[in-house]
Amino acid sequence: MKPLHEEYLIGSNGQKKAVLLPIAEWNEVVEALEELDDIRAYDAAKQQPSESIPFDQAILEIDQGKVN
């Protein structure tokens, strides 16, 4: 993982209470989290039993609005 240049906000009790990141690094973190979400959704979908259909039929059904 690329190193982050984080800064911390310290509360009155001396404990860290928030993190500051440069916006470019924050955007990279968000992008990585979104990609992880996609991977998890893919993995979950692959675990579900499903019937395969030909690609052309799938496109036709999508175009006709028959998608669940």
Protein backbone atom coordinates (compact mmCIF):
# COMPACT_ATOMS: atom_id res chain seq x y z
CA MET A 1 0.00 0.00 0.00
CA LYS A 2 1.14 3.48 -0.79
CA PRO A 3 2.25 5.43 2.31
CA LEU A 4 -0.24 7.92 3.70
CA HIS A 5 0.59 11.37 5.01
CA GLU A 6 -1.92 11.44 7.82
CA GLU A 7 -2.18 13.96 10.61
CA TYR A 8 -4.14 13.43 13.80
CA LEU A 9 -6.45 15.67 15.77
CA ILE A 10 -5.94 15.17 19.48
CA GLY A 11 -8.83 15.58 21.91
CA SER A 12 -8.68 17.33 25.26
CA ASN A 13 -7.98 13.95 26.88
CA GLY A 14 -4.81 13.55 24.77
CA GLN A 15 -6.28 10.74 22.67
CA LYS A 16 -6.43 10.72 18.86
CA LYS A 17 -9.96 11.56 17.75
CA ALA A 18 -9.73 12.22 14.00
CA VAL A 19 -7.43 11.78 11.02
CA LEU A 20 -6.62 14.31 8.31
CA LEU A 21 -5.44 13.21 4.88
CA PRO A 22 -4.55 15.19 1.77
CA ILE A 23 -7.59 15.08 -0.53
CA ALA A 24 -5.73 13.13 -3.24
CA GLU A 25 -4.87 10.41 -0.74
CA TRP A 26 -8.44 10.38 0.59
CA ASN A 27 -9.73 9.91 -2.96
CA GLU A 28 -7.37 6.94 -3.39
CA VAL A 29 -8.66 5.40 -0.15
CA VAL A 30 -12.27 5.83 -1.28
CA GLU A 31 -11.48 4.32 -4.68
CA ALA A 32 -9.80 1.32 -3.03
CA LEU A 33 -12.79 0.81 -0.72
CA GLU A 34 -15.19 0.95 -3.67
CA GLU A 35 -13.10 -1.62 -5.52
CA LEU A 36 -13.09 -3.86 -2.44
CA ASP A 37 -16.88 -3.53 -2.27
CA ASP A 38 -17.11 -4.64 -5.92
CA ILE A 39 -14.86 -7.63 -5.25
CA ARG A 40 -16.98 -8.68 -2.27
CA ALA A 41 -20.19 -8.33 -4.31
CA TYR A 42 -18.66 -10.42 -7.09
CA ASP A 43 -17.55 -13.10 -4.63
CA ALA A 44 -21.03 -13.20 -3.06
CA ALA A 45 -22.69 -13.43 -6.49
CA LYS A 46 -20.41 -16.29 -7.52
CA GLN A 47 -21.50 -18.25 -4.43
CA GLN A 48 -25.16 -18.15 -5.52
CA PRO A 49 -26.34 -20.94 -7.81
CA SER A 50 -27.34 -19.55 -11.17
CA GLU A 51 -28.18 -20.71 -14.64
CA SER A 52 -25.87 -19.62 -17.46
CA ILE A 53 -27.37 -18.06 -20.57
CA PRO A 54 -25.72 -17.11 -23.85
CA PHE A 55 -24.27 -13.59 -23.97
CA ASP A 56 -26.54 -12.50 -26.86
CA GLN A 57 -29.61 -13.60 -24.90
CA ALA A 58 -28.41 -11.66 -21.84
CA ILE A 59 -27.96 -8.48 -23.91
CA LEU A 60 -31.43 -8.93 -25.43
CA GLU A 61 -33.00 -9.34 -21.98
CA ILE A 62 -31.17 -6.27 -20.69
CA ASP A 63 -32.36 -4.24 -23.66
CA GLN A 64 -35.92 -5.43 -23.09
CA GLY A 65 -35.78 -4.54 -19.41
CA LYS A 66 -36.12 -8.09 -18.15
CA VAL A 67 -33.32 -7.73 -15.61
CA ASN A 68 -34.15 -8.45 -11.95
